[in-house]
């Protein structure tokens, strides 16, 4: 999906929507990360030169929401 996005800011809203849907579908993948968040500060790394529109920014926004109910 990051290849599809290609850091095209015009696709940012749809990228976040698709990324959030993928994360919603894989709650077990986030269990360890959420456990670390409960313990304190977590640093999200990214390799993009774009600092405001990248997967780490999207992940931070996702993690700031309440977990989805399944």
PDB file of N, CA and C in Angstrom:
ATOM      1  N   UNK A   1       0.819  -1.181   0.000  1.00  0.00           N
ATOM      2  CA  UNK A   1       0.000   0.000   0.000  1.00  0.00           C
ATOM      3  C   UNK A   1       0.870   1.254   0.000  1.00  0.00           C
ATOM      4  N   UNK A   2       2.015   1.213   0.684  1.00  0.00           N
ATOM      5  CA  UNK A   2       2.881   2.393   0.682  1.00  0.00           C
ATOM      6  C   UNK A   2       3.389   2.688  -0.728  1.00  0.00           C
ATOM      7  N   UNK A   3       3.581   1.637  -1.533  1.00  0.00           N
ATOM      8  CA  UNK A   3       3.988   1.865  -2.923  1.00  0.00           C
ATOM      9  C   UNK A   3       2.884   2.568  -3.693  1.00  0.00           C
ATOM     10  N   UNK A   4       1.624   2.133  -3.468  1.00  0.00           N
ATOM     11  CA  UNK A   4       0.490   2.788  -4.120  1.00  0.00           C
ATOM     12  C   UNK A   4       0.453   4.253  -3.721  1.00  0.00           C
ATOM     13  N   UNK A   5       0.626   4.526  -2.444  1.00  0.00           N
ATOM     14  CA  UNK A   5       0.576   5.898  -1.936  1.00  0.00           C
ATOM     15  C   UNK A   5       1.690   6.735  -2.553  1.00  0.00           C
ATOM     16  N   UNK A   6       2.903   6.225  -2.568  1.00  0.00           N
ATOM     17  CA  UNK A   6       4.025   6.906  -3.197  1.00  0.00           C
ATOM     18  C   UNK A   6       4.271   8.321  -2.700  1.00  0.00           C
ATOM     19  N   UNK A   7       3.857   8.608  -1.471  1.00  0.00           N
ATOM     20  CA  UNK A   7       4.015   9.928  -0.849  1.00  0.00           C
ATOM     21  C   UNK A   7       3.366  11.039  -1.675  1.00  0.00           C
ATOM     22  N   UNK A   8       2.280  10.672  -2.337  1.00  0.00           N
ATOM     23  CA  UNK A   8       1.457  11.636  -3.064  1.00  0.00           C
ATOM     24  C   UNK A   8       0.451  12.208  -2.062  1.00  0.00           C
ATOM     25  N   UNK A   9       0.675  13.437  -1.625  1.00  0.00           N
ATOM     26  CA  UNK A   9      -0.151  14.046  -0.584  1.00  0.00           C
ATOM     27  C   UNK A   9      -1.632  14.067  -0.984  1.00  0.00           C
ATOM     28  N   UNK A  10      -1.914  14.077  -2.261  1.00  0.00           N
ATOM     29  CA  UNK A  10      -3.287  14.033  -2.723  1.00  0.00           C
ATOM     30  C   UNK A  10      -3.991  12.727  -2.363  1.00  0.00           C
ATOM     31  N   UNK A  11      -3.220  11.674  -2.085  1.00  0.00           N
ATOM     32  CA  UNK A  11      -3.770  10.380  -1.704  1.00  0.00           C
ATOM     33  C   UNK A  11      -3.741  10.172  -0.188  1.00  0.00           C
ATOM     34  N   UNK A  12      -3.292  11.167   0.570  1.00  0.00           N
ATOM     35  CA  UNK A  12      -3.086  11.009   2.015  1.00  0.00           C
ATOM     36  C   UNK A  12      -4.343  10.530   2.747  1.00  0.00           C
ATOM     37  N   UNK A  13      -5.466  11.169   2.522  1.00  0.00           N
ATOM     38  CA  UNK A  13      -6.688  10.793   3.235  1.00  0.00           C
ATOM     39  C   UNK A  13      -7.074   9.348   2.926  1.00  0.00           C
ATOM     40  N   UNK A  14      -6.993   8.949   1.669  1.00  0.00           N
ATOM     41  CA  UNK A  14      -7.334   7.573   1.309  1.00  0.00           C
ATOM     42  C   UNK A  14      -6.300   6.592   1.845  1.00  0.00           C
ATOM     43  N   UNK A  15      -5.022   6.991   1.830  1.00  0.00           N
ATOM     44  CA  UNK A  15      -3.975   6.141   2.403  1.00  0.00           C
ATOM     45  C   UNK A  15      -4.280   5.849   3.863  1.00  0.00           C
ATOM     46  N   UNK A  16      -4.607   6.901   4.646  1.00  0.00           N
ATOM     47  CA  UNK A  16      -4.898   6.700   6.066  1.00  0.00           C
ATOM     48  C   UNK A  16      -6.120   5.794   6.231  1.00  0.00           C
ATOM     49  N   UNK A  17      -7.147   6.013   5.444  1.00  0.00           N
ATOM     50  CA  UNK A  17      -8.353   5.193   5.543  1.00  0.00           C
ATOM     51  C   UNK A  17      -8.025   3.729   5.276  1.00  0.00           C
ATOM     52  N   UNK A  18      -7.267   3.451   4.222  1.00  0.00           N
ATOM     53  CA  UNK A  18      -6.899   2.073   3.885  1.00  0.00           C
ATOM     54  C   UNK A  18      -5.982   1.470   4.952  1.00  0.00           C
ATOM     55  N   UNK A  19      -5.031   2.273   5.425  1.00  0.00           N
ATOM     56  CA  UNK A  19      -4.082   1.804   6.437  1.00  0.00           C
ATOM     57  C   UNK A  19      -4.820   1.478   7.738  1.00  0.00           C
ATOM     58  N   UNK A  20      -5.729   2.334   8.151  1.00  0.00           N
ATOM     59  CA  UNK A  20      -6.505   2.094   9.358  1.00  0.00           C
ATOM     60  C   UNK A  20      -7.339   0.821   9.212  1.00  0.00           C
ATOM     61  N   UNK A  21      -7.907   0.593   8.035  1.00  0.00           N
ATOM     62  CA  UNK A  21      -8.699  -0.620   7.805  1.00  0.00           C
ATOM     63  C   UNK A  21      -7.818  -1.862   7.930  1.00  0.00           C
ATOM     64  N   UNK A  22      -6.598  -1.797   7.408  1.00  0.00           N
ATOM     65  CA  UNK A  22      -5.667  -2.925   7.534  1.00  0.00           C
ATOM     66  C   UNK A  22      -5.328  -3.162   9.001  1.00  0.00           C
ATOM     67  N   UNK A  23      -5.091  -2.092   9.735  1.00  0.00           N
ATOM     68  CA  UNK A  23      -4.770  -2.229  11.149  1.00  0.00           C
ATOM     69  C   UNK A  23      -5.963  -2.762  11.936  1.00  0.00           C
ATOM     70  N   UNK A  24      -7.161  -2.307  11.611  1.00  0.00           N
ATOM     71  CA  UNK A  24      -8.367  -2.817  12.261  1.00  0.00           C
ATOM     72  C   UNK A  24      -8.509  -4.326  12.051  1.00  0.00           C
ATOM     73  N   UNK A  25      -8.099  -4.797  10.873  1.00  0.00           N
ATOM     74  CA  UNK A  25      -8.247  -6.212  10.528  1.00  0.00           C
ATOM     75  C   UNK A  25      -7.172  -7.088  11.166  1.00  0.00           C
ATOM     76  N   UNK A  26      -6.174  -6.497  11.796  1.00  0.00           N
ATOM     77  CA  UNK A  26      -5.070  -7.271  12.388  1.00  0.00           C
ATOM     78  C   UNK A  26      -4.783  -6.813  13.815  1.00  0.00           C
ATOM     79  N   UNK A  27      -5.768  -6.915  14.710  1.00  0.00           N
ATOM     80  CA  UNK A  27      -5.555  -6.409  16.074  1.00  0.00           C
ATOM     81  C   UNK A  27      -4.430  -7.112  16.820  1.00  0.00           C
ATOM     82  N   UNK A  28      -4.193  -8.391  16.528  1.00  0.00           N
ATOM     83  CA  UNK A  28      -3.118  -9.104  17.212  1.00  0.00           C
ATOM     84  C   UNK A  28      -1.748  -8.520  16.888  1.00  0.00           C
ATOM     85  N   UNK A  29      -1.608  -7.958  15.708  1.00  0.00           N
ATOM     86  CA  UNK A  29      -0.330  -7.370  15.309  1.00  0.00           C
ATOM     87  C   UNK A  29       0.014  -6.142  16.150  1.00  0.00           C
ATOM     88  N   UNK A  30      -0.986  -5.518  16.736  1.00  0.00           N
ATOM     89  CA  UNK A  30      -0.760  -4.300  17.513  1.00  0.00           C
ATOM     90  C   UNK A  30      -0.701  -4.531  19.021  1.00  0.00           C
ATOM     91  N   UNK A  31      -0.955  -5.753  19.462  1.00  0.00           N
ATOM     92  CA  UNK A  31      -0.994  -6.023  20.905  1.00  0.00           C
ATOM     93  C   UNK A  31       0.309  -5.634  21.602  1.00  0.00           C
ATOM     94  N   UNK A  32       1.429  -6.050  21.043  1.00  0.00           N
ATOM     95  CA  UNK A  32       2.718  -5.754  21.670  1.00  0.00           C
ATOM     96  C   UNK A  32       2.992  -4.252  21.684  1.00  0.00           C
ATOM     97  N   UNK A  33       2.689  -3.584  20.580  1.00  0.00           N
ATOM     98  CA  UNK A  33       2.903  -2.137  20.514  1.00  0.00           C
ATOM     99  C   UNK A  33       2.031  -1.418  21.537  1.00  0.00           C
ATOM    100  N   UNK A  34       0.779  -1.796  21.645  1.00  0.00           N
ATOM    101  CA  UNK A  34      -0.109  -1.178  22.641  1.00  0.00           C
ATOM    102  C   UNK A  34       0.381  -1.446  24.063  1.00  0.00           C
ATOM    103  N   UNK A  35       0.955  -2.621  24.299  1.00  0.00           N
ATOM    104  CA  UNK A  35       1.511  -2.926  25.625  1.00  0.00           C
ATOM    105  C   UNK A  35       2.670  -1.985  25.940  1.00  0.00           C
ATOM    106  N   UNK A  36       3.513  -1.718  24.967  1.00  0.00           N
ATOM    107  CA  UNK A  36       4.628  -0.777  25.159  1.00  0.00           C
ATOM    108  C   UNK A  36       4.101   0.628  25.434  1.00  0.00           C
ATOM    109  N   UNK A  37       3.042   1.010  24.735  1.00  0.00           N
ATOM    110  CA  UNK A  37       2.459   2.339  24.937  1.00  0.00           C
ATOM    111  C   UNK A  37       1.930   2.511  26.358  1.00  0.00           C
ATOM    112  N   UNK A  38       1.392   1.458  26.912  1.00  0.00           N
ATOM    113  CA  UNK A  38       0.894   1.534  28.291  1.00  0.00           C
ATOM    114  C   UNK A  38       2.042   1.729  29.286  1.00  0.00           C
ATOM    115  N   UNK A  39       3.233   1.294  28.922  1.00  0.00           N
ATOM    116  CA  UNK A  39       4.389   1.403  29.811  1.00  0.00           C
ATOM    117  C   UNK A  39       5.089   2.750  29.705  1.00  0.00           C
ATOM    118  N   UNK A  40       4.891   3.457  28.612  1.00  0.00           N
ATOM    119  CA  UNK A  40       5.550   4.749  28.463  1.00  0.00           C
ATOM    120  C   UNK A  40       5.709   5.153  27.013  1.00  0.00           C
ATOM    121  N   UNK A  41       6.717   5.950  26.784  1.00  0.00           N
ATOM    122  CA  UNK A  41       6.971   6.548  25.479  1.00  0.00           C
ATOM    123  C   UNK A  41       7.428   5.504  24.459  1.00  0.00           C
ATOM    124  N   UNK A  42       6.917   5.635  23.235  1.00  0.00           N
ATOM    125  CA  UNK A  42       7.301   4.774  22.116  1.00  0.00           C
ATOM    126  C   UNK A  42       7.737   5.680  20.970  1.00  0.00           C
ATOM    127  N   UNK A  43       8.819   5.327  20.312  1.00  0.00           N
ATOM    128  CA  UNK A  43       9.310   6.093  19.174  1.00  0.00           C
ATOM    129  C   UNK A  43       8.962   5.358  17.889  1.00  0.00           C
ATOM    130  N   UNK A  44       8.286   6.045  16.973  1.00  0.00           N
ATOM    131  CA  UNK A  44       7.939   5.486  15.669  1.00  0.00           C
ATOM    132  C   UNK A  44       8.942   6.011  14.646  1.00  0.00           C
ATOM    133  N   UNK A  45       9.578   5.117  13.933  1.00  0.00           N
ATOM    134  CA  UNK A  45      10.582   5.488  12.939  1.00  0.00           C
ATOM    135  C   UNK A  45      10.004   5.405  11.537  1.00  0.00           C
ATOM    136  N   UNK A  46      10.557   6.208  10.647  1.00  0.00           N
ATOM    137  CA  UNK A  46      10.151   6.168   9.245  1.00  0.00           C
ATOM    138  C   UNK A  46      11.332   6.595   8.394  1.00  0.00           C
ATOM    139  N   UNK A  47      11.322   6.190   7.137  1.00  0.00           N
ATOM    140  CA  UNK A  47      12.436   6.492   6.240  1.00  0.00           C
ATOM    141  C   UNK A  47      12.080   7.547   5.199  1.00  0.00           C
ATOM    142  N   UNK A  48      10.861   8.016   5.197  1.00  0.00           N
ATOM    143  CA  UNK A  48      10.417   8.995   4.202  1.00  0.00           C
ATOM    144  C   UNK A  48      11.004  10.369   4.507  1.00  0.00           C
ATOM    145  N   UNK A  49      11.246  11.141   3.481  1.00  0.00           N
ATOM    146  CA  UNK A  49      11.713  12.514   3.693  1.00  0.00           C
ATOM    147  C   UNK A  49      10.544  13.434   4.043  1.00  0.00           C
ATOM    148  N   UNK A  50       9.338  13.015   3.721  1.00  0.00           N
ATOM    149  CA  UNK A  50       8.124  13.767   4.056  1.00  0.00           C
ATOM    150  C   UNK A  50       7.821  13.556   5.536  1.00  0.00           C
ATOM    151  N   UNK A  51       7.834  14.633   6.315  1.00  0.00           N
ATOM    152  CA  UNK A  51       7.675  14.503   7.763  1.00  0.00           C
ATOM    153  C   UNK A  51       6.235  14.575   8.248  1.00  0.00           C
ATOM    154  N   UNK A  52       5.323  15.046   7.426  1.00  0.00           N
ATOM    155  CA  UNK A  52       3.937  15.203   7.863  1.00  0.00           C
ATOM    156  C   UNK A  52       2.982  14.185   7.266  1.00  0.00           C
ATOM    157  N   UNK A  53       3.406  13.503   6.225  1.00  0.00           N
ATOM    158  CA  UNK A  53       2.535  12.547   5.528  1.00  0.00           C
ATOM    159  C   UNK A  53       3.313  11.256   5.289  1.00  0.00           C
ATOM    160  N   UNK A  54       3.409  10.426   6.320  1.00  0.00           N
ATOM    161  CA  UNK A  54       4.106   9.154   6.193  1.00  0.00           C
ATOM    162  C   UNK A  54       3.431   8.117   7.088  1.00  0.00           C
ATOM    163  N   UNK A  55       3.850   6.864   6.963  1.00  0.00           N
ATOM    164  CA  UNK A  55       3.183   5.798   7.702  1.00  0.00           C
ATOM    165  C   UNK A  55       3.318   5.950   9.218  1.00  0.00           C
ATOM    166  N   UNK A  56       4.389   6.517   9.721  1.00  0.00           N
ATOM    167  CA  UNK A  56       4.536   6.707  11.169  1.00  0.00           C
ATOM    168  C   UNK A  56       3.531   7.737  11.676  1.00  0.00           C
ATOM    169  N   UNK A  57       3.298   8.786  10.929  1.00  0.00           N
ATOM    170  CA  UNK A  57       2.312   9.806  11.312  1.00  0.00           C
ATOM    171  C   UNK A  57       0.915   9.167  11.320  1.00  0.00           C
ATOM    172  N   UNK A  58       0.634   8.363  10.304  1.00  0.00           N
ATOM    173  CA  UNK A  58      -0.665   7.686  10.243  1.00  0.00           C
ATOM    174  C   UNK A  58      -0.814   6.707  11.403  1.00  0.00           C
ATOM    175  N   UNK A  59       0.239   5.957  11.711  1.00  0.00           N
ATOM    176  CA  UNK A  59       0.179   4.999  12.811  1.00  0.00           C
ATOM    177  C   UNK A  59      -0.029   5.713  14.144  1.00  0.00           C
ATOM    178  N   UNK A  60       0.638   6.830  14.344  1.00  0.00           N
ATOM    179  CA  UNK A  60       0.447   7.607  15.575  1.00  0.00           C
ATOM    180  C   UNK A  60      -1.018   8.044  15.699  1.00  0.00           C
ATOM    181  N   UNK A  61      -1.587   8.524  14.609  1.00  0.00           N
ATOM    182  CA  UNK A  61      -2.992   8.941  14.627  1.00  0.00           C
ATOM    183  C   UNK A  61      -3.894   7.750  14.948  1.00  0.00           C
ATOM    184  N   UNK A  62      -3.600   6.607  14.351  1.00  0.00           N
ATOM    185  CA  UNK A  62      -4.393   5.405  14.601  1.00  0.00           C
ATOM    186  C   UNK A  62      -4.303   5.002  16.070  1.00  0.00           C
ATOM    187  N   UNK A  63      -3.117   5.010  16.619  1.00  0.00           N
ATOM    188  CA  UNK A  63      -2.926   4.592  18.006  1.00  0.00           C
ATOM    189  C   UNK A  63      -3.551   5.557  18.998  1.00  0.00           C
ATOM    190  N   UNK A  64      -3.794   6.782  18.578  1.00  0.00           N
ATOM    191  CA  UNK A  64      -4.431   7.766  19.446  1.00  0.00           C
ATOM    192  C   UNK A  64      -5.929   7.570  19.573  1.00  0.00           C
ATOM    193  N   UNK A  65      -6.480   6.718  18.735  1.00  0.00           N
ATOM    194  CA  UNK A  65      -7.920   6.423  18.788  1.00  0.00           C
ATOM    195  C   UNK A  65      -8.158   5.241  19.716  1.00  0.00           C
ATOM    196  N   UNK A  66      -9.380   5.102  20.230  1.00  0.00           N
ATOM    197  CA  UNK A  66      -9.686   3.905  21.021  1.00  0.00           C
ATOM    198  C   UNK A  66      -9.608   2.662  20.122  1.00  0.00           C
ATOM    199  N   UNK A  67      -9.189   1.542  20.669  1.00  0.00           N
ATOM    200  CA  UNK A  67      -9.124   0.316  19.843  1.00  0.00           C
ATOM    201  C   UNK A  67     -10.501  -0.031  19.294  1.00  0.00           C
ATOM    202  N   UNK A  68     -10.551  -0.565  18.062  1.00  0.00           N
ATOM    203  CA  UNK A  68     -11.851  -0.927  17.479  1.00  0.00           C
ATOM    204  C   UNK A  68     -12.465  -2.101  18.236  1.00  0.00           C
ATOM    205  N   UNK A  69     -13.754  -2.138  18.262  1.00  0.00           N
ATOM    206  CA  UNK A  69     -14.448  -3.275  18.860  1.00  0.00           C
ATOM    207  C   UNK A  69     -14.779  -4.259  17.767  1.00  0.00           C
ATOM    208  N   UNK A  70     -14.472  -5.493  18.008  1.00  0.00           N
ATOM    209  CA  UNK A  70     -14.724  -6.529  16.989  1.00  0.00           C
ATOM    210  C   UNK A  70     -15.767  -7.497  17.462  1.00  0.00           C
TER     211      UNK A  70
END
